[in-house]
Amino acid sequence: MGINRQSMNRKIRMYTTSWCVDCRRAKWFLKERNIPYEEINIEEVDGAEQFVTAANEGKRRVPTFDVNGRIFHCSPYDPAKLSRELELE
């Protein structure tokens, strides 16, 4: 499984917490596929928690992803959903 050409030019931001098991699984998913991403810990970065709750109808759902401005969460962790959302082949 790899990245399609279109997805190579995108920027992936993953909003996480240090204690979140779903976040660890999502990071492992990306690392296993050599997909670069920026991790933003919502407990350490000013404004990050507000971004996540605004994007998720007031819920603090992590991991939340921002892929070139398209926002989605993967909580609970679902590798099939993450693969679809990232348009992996």
PDB file of N, CA and C in Angstrom:
ATOM      1  N   MET A   1       0.850  -1.171   0.000  1.00  0.00           N
ATOM      2  CA  MET A   1       0.000   0.000   0.000  1.00  0.00           C
ATOM      3  C   MET A   1       0.892   1.229   0.000  1.00  0.00           C
ATOM      4  N   GLY A   2       0.610   2.197  -0.846  1.00  0.00           N
ATOM      5  CA  GLY A   2       1.454   3.366  -0.934  1.00  0.00           C
ATOM      6  C   GLY A   2       0.648   4.627  -1.120  1.00  0.00           C
ATOM      7  N   ILE A   3       1.347   5.683  -1.434  1.00  0.00           N
ATOM      8  CA  ILE A   3       0.736   6.990  -1.614  1.00  0.00           C
ATOM      9  C   ILE A   3       0.555   7.224  -3.103  1.00  0.00           C
ATOM     10  N   ASN A   4      -0.604   7.744  -3.512  1.00  0.00           N
ATOM     11  CA  ASN A   4      -0.746   8.096  -4.919  1.00  0.00           C
ATOM     12  C   ASN A   4      -0.060   9.431  -5.173  1.00  0.00           C
ATOM     13  N   ARG A   5       0.209   9.723  -6.431  1.00  0.00           N
ATOM     14  CA  ARG A   5       0.967  10.941  -6.778  1.00  0.00           C
ATOM     15  C   ARG A   5       0.300  12.215  -6.281  1.00  0.00           C
ATOM     16  N   GLN A   6      -1.013  12.276  -6.381  1.00  0.00           N
ATOM     17  CA  GLN A   6      -1.733  13.467  -5.946  1.00  0.00           C
ATOM     18  C   GLN A   6      -1.525  13.716  -4.455  1.00  0.00           C
ATOM     19  N   SER A   7      -1.456  12.670  -3.677  1.00  0.00           N
ATOM     20  CA  SER A   7      -1.340  12.836  -2.228  1.00  0.00           C
ATOM     21  C   SER A   7       0.061  13.226  -1.785  1.00  0.00           C
ATOM     22  N   MET A   8       1.043  13.143  -2.658  1.00  0.00           N
ATOM     23  CA  MET A   8       2.414  13.469  -2.281  1.00  0.00           C
ATOM     24  C   MET A   8       2.596  14.959  -1.988  1.00  0.00           C
ATOM     25  N   ASN A   9       1.746  15.813  -2.554  1.00  0.00           N
ATOM     26  CA  ASN A   9       1.888  17.255  -2.388  1.00  0.00           C
ATOM     27  C   ASN A   9       1.032  17.822  -1.263  1.00  0.00           C
ATOM     28  N   ARG A  10       0.429  16.984  -0.491  1.00  0.00           N
ATOM     29  CA  ARG A  10      -0.440  17.488   0.557  1.00  0.00           C
ATOM     30  C   ARG A  10       0.305  17.606   1.881  1.00  0.00           C
ATOM     31  N   LYS A  11      -0.259  18.439   2.728  1.00  0.00           N
ATOM     32  CA  LYS A  11       0.293  18.597   4.068  1.00  0.00           C
ATOM     33  C   LYS A  11      -0.695  17.994   5.049  1.00  0.00           C
ATOM     34  N   ILE A  12      -0.205  17.083   5.884  1.00  0.00           N
ATOM     35  CA  ILE A  12      -1.041  16.416   6.871  1.00  0.00           C
ATOM     36  C   ILE A  12      -0.659  16.915   8.251  1.00  0.00           C
ATOM     37  N   ARG A  13      -1.665  17.425   8.968  1.00  0.00           N
ATOM     38  CA  ARG A  13      -1.486  17.788  10.369  1.00  0.00           C
ATOM     39  C   ARG A  13      -2.369  16.850  11.176  1.00  0.00           C
ATOM     40  N   MET A  14      -1.795  16.273  12.216  1.00  0.00           N
ATOM     41  CA  MET A  14      -2.554  15.387  13.088  1.00  0.00           C
ATOM     42  C   MET A  14      -2.566  15.991  14.485  1.00  0.00           C
ATOM     43  N   TYR A  15      -3.771  16.272  14.976  1.00  0.00           N
ATOM     44  CA  TYR A  15      -3.956  16.825  16.313  1.00  0.00           C
ATOM     45  C   TYR A  15      -4.121  15.663  17.282  1.00  0.00           C
ATOM     46  N   THR A  16      -3.299  15.637  18.328  1.00  0.00           N
ATOM     47  CA  THR A  16      -3.211  14.497  19.224  1.00  0.00           C
ATOM     48  C   THR A  16      -3.164  14.930  20.682  1.00  0.00           C
ATOM     49  N   THR A  17      -3.160  13.925  21.559  1.00  0.00           N
ATOM     50  CA  THR A  17      -2.768  14.091  22.958  1.00  0.00           C
ATOM     51  C   THR A  17      -1.731  13.004  23.235  1.00  0.00           C
ATOM     52  N   SER A  18      -0.965  13.177  24.290  1.00  0.00           N
ATOM     53  CA  SER A  18       0.089  12.207  24.606  1.00  0.00           C
ATOM     54  C   SER A  18      -0.475  10.887  25.116  1.00  0.00           C
ATOM     55  N   TRP A  19      -1.669  10.876  25.690  1.00  0.00           N
ATOM     56  CA  TRP A  19      -2.239   9.689  26.314  1.00  0.00           C
ATOM     57  C   TRP A  19      -3.181   8.903  25.403  1.00  0.00           C
ATOM     58  N   CYS A  20      -3.455   9.403  24.209  1.00  0.00           N
ATOM     59  CA  CYS A  20      -4.480   8.839  23.328  1.00  0.00           C
ATOM     60  C   CYS A  20      -3.987   7.595  22.574  1.00  0.00           C
ATOM     61  N   VAL A  21      -4.621   6.463  22.840  1.00  0.00           N
ATOM     62  CA  VAL A  21      -4.265   5.212  22.158  1.00  0.00           C
ATOM     63  C   VAL A  21      -4.590   5.295  20.666  1.00  0.00           C
ATOM     64  N   ASP A  22      -5.717   5.896  20.310  1.00  0.00           N
ATOM     65  CA  ASP A  22      -6.069   6.050  18.892  1.00  0.00           C
ATOM     66  C   ASP A  22      -5.031   6.894  18.157  1.00  0.00           C
ATOM     67  N   CYS A  23      -4.493   7.904  18.838  1.00  0.00           N
ATOM     68  CA  CYS A  23      -3.448   8.736  18.235  1.00  0.00           C
ATOM     69  C   CYS A  23      -2.190   7.906  17.971  1.00  0.00           C
ATOM     70  N   ARG A  24      -1.807   7.088  18.936  1.00  0.00           N
ATOM     71  CA  ARG A  24      -0.625   6.231  18.752  1.00  0.00           C
ATOM     72  C   ARG A  24      -0.822   5.277  17.588  1.00  0.00           C
ATOM     73  N   ARG A  25      -2.004   4.728  17.464  1.00  0.00           N
ATOM     74  CA  ARG A  25      -2.284   3.810  16.351  1.00  0.00           C
ATOM     75  C   ARG A  25      -2.235   4.539  15.015  1.00  0.00           C
ATOM     76  N   ALA A  26      -2.780   5.745  14.967  1.00  0.00           N
ATOM     77  CA  ALA A  26      -2.757   6.520  13.723  1.00  0.00           C
ATOM     78  C   ALA A  26      -1.320   6.912  13.349  1.00  0.00           C
ATOM     79  N   LYS A  27      -0.520   7.277  14.344  1.00  0.00           N
ATOM     80  CA  LYS A  27       0.889   7.607  14.068  1.00  0.00           C
ATOM     81  C   LYS A  27       1.627   6.388  13.527  1.00  0.00           C
ATOM     82  N   TRP A  28       1.365   5.218  14.107  1.00  0.00           N
ATOM     83  CA  TRP A  28       1.989   3.985  13.638  1.00  0.00           C
ATOM     84  C   TRP A  28       1.566   3.697  12.199  1.00  0.00           C
ATOM     85  N   PHE A  29       0.280   3.887  11.892  1.00  0.00           N
ATOM     86  CA  PHE A  29      -0.260   3.702  10.548  1.00  0.00           C
ATOM     87  C   PHE A  29       0.511   4.560   9.541  1.00  0.00           C
ATOM     88  N   LEU A  30       0.696   5.837   9.869  1.00  0.00           N
ATOM     89  CA  LEU A  30       1.402   6.751   8.960  1.00  0.00           C
ATOM     90  C   LEU A  30       2.883   6.399   8.854  1.00  0.00           C
ATOM     91  N   LYS A  31       3.507   6.103   9.975  1.00  0.00           N
ATOM     92  CA  LYS A  31       4.927   5.759   9.972  1.00  0.00           C
ATOM     93  C   LYS A  31       5.183   4.497   9.157  1.00  0.00           C
ATOM     94  N   GLU A  32       4.335   3.496   9.331  1.00  0.00           N
ATOM     95  CA  GLU A  32       4.478   2.237   8.600  1.00  0.00           C
ATOM     96  C   GLU A  32       4.424   2.452   7.085  1.00  0.00           C
ATOM     97  N   ARG A  33       3.699   3.474   6.646  1.00  0.00           N
ATOM     98  CA  ARG A  33       3.535   3.768   5.222  1.00  0.00           C
ATOM     99  C   ARG A  33       4.436   4.910   4.746  1.00  0.00           C
ATOM    100  N   ASN A  34       5.330   5.359   5.617  1.00  0.00           N
ATOM    101  CA  ASN A  34       6.254   6.460   5.295  1.00  0.00           C
ATOM    102  C   ASN A  34       5.519   7.716   4.825  1.00  0.00           C
ATOM    103  N   ILE A  35       4.424   8.030   5.496  1.00  0.00           N
ATOM    104  CA  ILE A  35       3.645   9.223   5.169  1.00  0.00           C
ATOM    105  C   ILE A  35       4.032  10.326   6.146  1.00  0.00           C
ATOM    106  N   PRO A  36       4.607  11.410   5.650  1.00  0.00           N
ATOM    107  CA  PRO A  36       5.010  12.494   6.543  1.00  0.00           C
ATOM    108  C   PRO A  36       3.793  13.254   7.080  1.00  0.00           C
ATOM    109  N   TYR A  37       3.910  13.713   8.314  1.00  0.00           N
ATOM    110  CA  TYR A  37       2.842  14.478   8.940  1.00  0.00           C
ATOM    111  C   TYR A  37       3.444  15.367  10.015  1.00  0.00           C
ATOM    112  N   GLU A  38       2.681  16.373  10.383  1.00  0.00           N
ATOM    113  CA  GLU A  38       3.043  17.247  11.493  1.00  0.00           C
ATOM    114  C   GLU A  38       2.122  16.896  12.655  1.00  0.00           C
ATOM    115  N   GLU A  39       2.700  16.615  13.803  1.00  0.00           N
ATOM    116  CA  GLU A  39       1.899  16.305  14.984  1.00  0.00           C
ATOM    117  C   GLU A  39       1.740  17.557  15.831  1.00  0.00           C
ATOM    118  N   ILE A  40       0.496  17.813  16.244  1.00  0.00           N
ATOM    119  CA  ILE A  40       0.197  18.957  17.093  1.00  0.00           C
ATOM    120  C   ILE A  40      -0.514  18.434  18.336  1.00  0.00           C
ATOM    121  N   ASN A  41       0.171  18.500  19.472  1.00  0.00           N
ATOM    122  CA  ASN A  41      -0.410  18.039  20.730  1.00  0.00           C
ATOM    123  C   ASN A  41      -1.323  19.145  21.254  1.00  0.00           C
ATOM    124  N   ILE A  42      -2.604  18.854  21.361  1.00  0.00           N
ATOM    125  CA  ILE A  42      -3.571  19.891  21.735  1.00  0.00           C
ATOM    126  C   ILE A  42      -3.441  20.330  23.186  1.00  0.00           C
ATOM    127  N   GLU A  43      -2.695  19.580  23.980  1.00  0.00           N
ATOM    128  CA  GLU A  43      -2.473  19.965  25.368  1.00  0.00           C
ATOM    129  C   GLU A  43      -1.243  20.848  25.521  1.00  0.00           C
ATOM    130  N   GLU A  44      -0.481  21.013  24.447  1.00  0.00           N
ATOM    131  CA  GLU A  44       0.758  21.794  24.515  1.00  0.00           C
ATOM    132  C   GLU A  44       0.773  23.012  23.597  1.00  0.00           C
ATOM    133  N   VAL A  45      -0.053  23.027  22.570  1.00  0.00           N
ATOM    134  CA  VAL A  45      -0.024  24.103  21.573  1.00  0.00           C
ATOM    135  C   VAL A  45      -1.236  25.015  21.762  1.00  0.00           C
ATOM    136  N   ASP A  46      -0.966  26.291  21.992  1.00  0.00           N
ATOM    137  CA  ASP A  46      -2.045  27.264  22.182  1.00  0.00           C
ATOM    138  C   ASP A  46      -2.996  27.266  20.991  1.00  0.00           C
ATOM    139  N   GLY A  47      -4.280  27.197  21.280  1.00  0.00           N
ATOM    140  CA  GLY A  47      -5.311  27.262  20.256  1.00  0.00           C
ATOM    141  C   GLY A  47      -5.649  25.931  19.598  1.00  0.00           C
ATOM    142  N   ALA A  48      -4.828  24.918  19.812  1.00  0.00           N
ATOM    143  CA  ALA A  48      -5.046  23.630  19.141  1.00  0.00           C
ATOM    144  C   ALA A  48      -6.299  22.929  19.659  1.00  0.00           C
ATOM    145  N   GLU A  49      -6.518  22.952  20.958  1.00  0.00           N
ATOM    146  CA  GLU A  49      -7.709  22.310  21.507  1.00  0.00           C
ATOM    147  C   GLU A  49      -8.975  22.998  20.995  1.00  0.00           C
ATOM    148  N   GLN A  50      -8.955  24.314  20.914  1.00  0.00           N
ATOM    149  CA  GLN A  50     -10.098  25.056  20.397  1.00  0.00           C
ATOM    150  C   GLN A  50     -10.355  24.702  18.932  1.00  0.00           C
ATOM    151  N   PHE A  51      -9.293  24.539  18.157  1.00  0.00           N
ATOM    152  CA  PHE A  51      -9.437  24.141  16.757  1.00  0.00           C
ATOM    153  C   PHE A  51     -10.140  22.786  16.660  1.00  0.00           C
ATOM    154  N   VAL A  52      -9.678  21.820  17.470  1.00  0.00           N
ATOM    155  CA  VAL A  52     -10.235  20.462  17.434  1.00  0.00           C
ATOM    156  C   VAL A  52     -11.703  20.471  17.856  1.00  0.00           C
ATOM    157  N   THR A  53     -12.027  21.157  18.928  1.00  0.00           N
ATOM    158  CA  THR A  53     -13.423  21.158  19.374  1.00  0.00           C
ATOM    159  C   THR A  53     -14.329  21.886  18.372  1.00  0.00           C
ATOM    160  N   ALA A  54     -13.848  22.942  17.761  1.00  0.00           N
ATOM    161  CA  ALA A  54     -14.636  23.642  16.742  1.00  0.00           C
ATOM    162  C   ALA A  54     -14.859  22.756  15.516  1.00  0.00           C
ATOM    163  N   ALA A  55     -13.861  21.981  15.155  1.00  0.00           N
ATOM    164  CA  ALA A  55     -13.954  21.110  13.979  1.00  0.00           C
ATOM    165  C   ALA A  55     -14.833  19.894  14.229  1.00  0.00           C
ATOM    166  N   ASN A  56     -15.056  19.551  15.491  1.00  0.00           N
ATOM    167  CA  ASN A  56     -15.786  18.325  15.845  1.00  0.00           C
ATOM    168  C   ASN A  56     -17.041  18.603  16.665  1.00  0.00           C
ATOM    169  N   GLU A  57     -17.764  19.651  16.297  1.00  0.00           N
ATOM    170  CA  GLU A  57     -19.049  19.978  16.913  1.00  0.00           C
ATOM    171  C   GLU A  57     -18.973  20.036  18.443  1.00  0.00           C
ATOM    172  N   GLY A  58     -17.904  20.657  18.939  1.00  0.00           N
ATOM    173  CA  GLY A  58     -17.745  20.842  20.374  1.00  0.00           C
ATOM    174  C   GLY A  58     -17.101  19.682  21.107  1.00  0.00           C
ATOM    175  N   LYS A  59     -16.754  18.631  20.382  1.00  0.00           N
ATOM    176  CA  LYS A  59     -16.144  17.452  21.017  1.00  0.00           C
ATOM    177  C   LYS A  59     -14.632  17.485  20.850  1.00  0.00           C
ATOM    178  N   ARG A  60     -13.952  17.007  21.847  1.00  0.00           N
ATOM    179  CA  ARG A  60     -12.480  16.954  21.862  1.00  0.00           C
ATOM    180  C   ARG A  60     -12.044  15.597  21.315  1.00  0.00           C
ATOM    181  N   ARG A  61     -12.164  15.431  19.996  1.00  0.00           N
ATOM    182  CA  ARG A  61     -11.894  14.141  19.367  1.00  0.00           C
ATOM    183  C   ARG A  61     -10.492  14.137  18.764  1.00  0.00           C
ATOM    184  N   VAL A  62      -9.703  13.183  19.216  1.00  0.00           N
ATOM    185  CA  VAL A  62      -8.360  13.002  18.676  1.00  0.00           C
ATOM    186  C   VAL A  62      -8.178  11.529  18.327  1.00  0.00           C
ATOM    187  N   PRO A  63      -7.442  11.239  17.273  1.00  0.00           N
ATOM    188  CA  PRO A  63      -6.789  12.209  16.415  1.00  0.00           C
ATOM    189  C   PRO A  63      -7.761  12.896  15.460  1.00  0.00           C
ATOM    190  N   THR A  64      -7.533  14.181  15.271  1.00  0.00           N
ATOM    191  CA  THR A  64      -8.211  14.959  14.239  1.00  0.00           C
ATOM    192  C   THR A  64      -7.154  15.331  13.219  1.00  0.00           C
ATOM    193  N   PHE A  65      -7.515  15.216  11.962  1.00  0.00           N
ATOM    194  CA  PHE A  65      -6.582  15.486  10.863  1.00  0.00           C
ATOM    195  C   PHE A  65      -7.007  16.725  10.089  1.00  0.00           C
ATOM    196  N   ASP A  66      -6.015  17.466   9.640  1.00  0.00           N
ATOM    197  CA  ASP A  66      -6.200  18.573   8.702  1.00  0.00           C
ATOM    198  C   ASP A  66      -5.316  18.236   7.510  1.00  0.00           C
ATOM    199  N   VAL A  67      -5.950  17.912   6.399  1.00  0.00           N
ATOM    200  CA  VAL A  67      -5.222  17.571   5.173  1.00  0.00           C
ATOM    201  C   VAL A  67      -5.543  18.653   4.152  1.00  0.00           C
ATOM    202  N   ASN A  68      -4.612  19.595   4.006  1.00  0.00           N
ATOM    203  CA  ASN A  68      -4.799  20.729   3.097  1.00  0.00           C
ATOM    204  C   ASN A  68      -6.145  21.427   3.317  1.00  0.00           C
ATOM    205  N   GLY A  69      -6.538  21.592   4.577  1.00  0.00           N
ATOM    206  CA  GLY A  69      -7.768  22.301   4.900  1.00  0.00           C
ATOM    207  C   GLY A  69      -8.998  21.423   5.004  1.00  0.00           C
ATOM    208  N   ARG A  70      -8.894  20.159   4.688  1.00  0.00           N
ATOM    209  CA  ARG A  70     -10.018  19.224   4.846  1.00  0.00           C
ATOM    210  C   ARG A  70      -9.860  18.546   6.202  1.00  0.00           C
ATOM    211  N   ILE A  71     -10.841  18.739   7.068  1.00  0.00           N
ATOM    212  CA  ILE A  71     -10.745  18.291   8.459  1.00  0.00           C
ATOM    213  C   ILE A  71     -11.589  17.029   8.655  1.00  0.00           C
ATOM    214  N   PHE A  72     -11.022  16.046   9.349  1.00  0.00           N
ATOM    215  CA  PHE A  72     -11.774  14.854   9.735  1.00  0.00           C
ATOM    216  C   PHE A  72     -11.118  14.257  10.967  1.00  0.00           C
ATOM    217  N   HIS A  73     -11.872  13.461  11.704  1.00  0.00           N
ATOM    218  CA  HIS A  73     -11.309  12.780  12.868  1.00  0.00           C
ATOM    219  C   HIS A  73     -11.258  11.286  12.591  1.00  0.00           C
ATOM    220  N   CYS A  74     -10.460  10.599  13.367  1.00  0.00           N
ATOM    221  CA  CYS A  74     -10.365   9.144  13.274  1.00  0.00           C
ATOM    222  C   CYS A  74     -10.455   8.585  14.694  1.00  0.00           C
ATOM    223  N   SER A  75     -11.554   8.941  15.350  1.00  0.00           N
ATOM    224  CA  SER A  75     -11.799   8.526  16.718  1.00  0.00           C
ATOM    225  C   SER A  75     -13.220   7.998  16.811  1.00  0.00           C
ATOM    226  N   PRO A  76     -13.373   6.713  17.067  1.00  0.00           N
ATOM    227  CA  PRO A  76     -12.331   5.739  17.373  1.00  0.00           C
ATOM    228  C   PRO A  76     -11.493   5.409  16.135  1.00  0.00           C
ATOM    229  N   TYR A  77     -10.284   4.954  16.400  1.00  0.00           N
ATOM    230  CA  TYR A  77      -9.351   4.636  15.330  1.00  0.00           C
ATOM    231  C   TYR A  77      -9.935   3.565  14.416  1.00  0.00           C
ATOM    232  N   ASP A  78      -9.864   3.847  13.121  1.00  0.00           N
ATOM    233  CA  ASP A  78     -10.358   2.914  12.111  1.00  0.00           C
ATOM    234  C   ASP A  78      -9.399   2.987  10.924  1.00  0.00           C
ATOM    235  N   PRO A  79      -8.517   1.987  10.767  1.00  0.00           N
ATOM    236  CA  PRO A  79      -7.525   2.054   9.694  1.00  0.00           C
ATOM    237  C   PRO A  79      -8.151   2.123   8.305  1.00  0.00           C
ATOM    238  N   ALA A  80      -9.300   1.495   8.092  1.00  0.00           N
ATOM    239  CA  ALA A  80      -9.953   1.558   6.781  1.00  0.00           C
ATOM    240  C   ALA A  80     -10.439   2.980   6.501  1.00  0.00           C
ATOM    241  N   LYS A  81     -11.021   3.626   7.503  1.00  0.00           N
ATOM    242  CA  LYS A  81     -11.471   5.013   7.330  1.00  0.00           C
ATOM    243  C   LYS A  81     -10.285   5.928   7.069  1.00  0.00           C
ATOM    244  N   LEU A  82      -9.213   5.761   7.834  1.00  0.00           N
ATOM    245  CA  LEU A  82      -8.037   6.596   7.656  1.00  0.00           C
ATOM    246  C   LEU A  82      -7.455   6.414   6.263  1.00  0.00           C
ATOM    247  N   SER A  83      -7.393   5.203   5.801  1.00  0.00           N
ATOM    248  CA  SER A  83      -6.895   4.924   4.457  1.00  0.00           C
ATOM    249  C   SER A  83      -7.773   5.612   3.397  1.00  0.00           C
ATOM    250  N   ARG A  84      -9.094   5.522   3.560  1.00  0.00           N
ATOM    251  CA  ARG A  84     -10.015   6.177   2.616  1.00  0.00           C
ATOM    252  C   ARG A  84      -9.847   7.687   2.650  1.00  0.00           C
ATOM    253  N   GLU A  85      -9.799   8.242   3.851  1.00  0.00           N
ATOM    254  CA  GLU A  85      -9.702   9.703   3.993  1.00  0.00           C
ATOM    255  C   GLU A  85      -8.394  10.232   3.398  1.00  0.00           C
ATOM    256  N   LEU A  86      -7.336   9.448   3.485  1.00  0.00           N
ATOM    257  CA  LEU A  86      -6.039   9.864   2.948  1.00  0.00           C
ATOM    258  C   LEU A  86      -5.862   9.456   1.494  1.00  0.00           C
ATOM    259  N   GLU A  87      -6.863   8.807   0.933  1.00  0.00           N
ATOM    260  CA  GLU A  87      -6.865   8.396  -0.471  1.00  0.00           C
ATOM    261  C   GLU A  87      -5.651   7.551  -0.823  1.00  0.00           C
ATOM    262  N   LEU A  88      -5.388   6.556   0.016  1.00  0.00           N
ATOM    263  CA  LEU A  88      -4.270   5.655  -0.228  1.00  0.00           C
ATOM    264  C   LEU A  88      -4.702   4.557  -1.194  1.00  0.00           C
ATOM    265  N   GLU A  89      -3.741   4.076  -1.973  1.00  0.00           N
ATOM    266  CA  GLU A  89      -4.037   2.994  -2.935  1.00  0.00           C
ATOM    267  C   GLU A  89      -3.551   1.682  -2.412  1.00  0.00           C
TER     268      GLU A  89
END
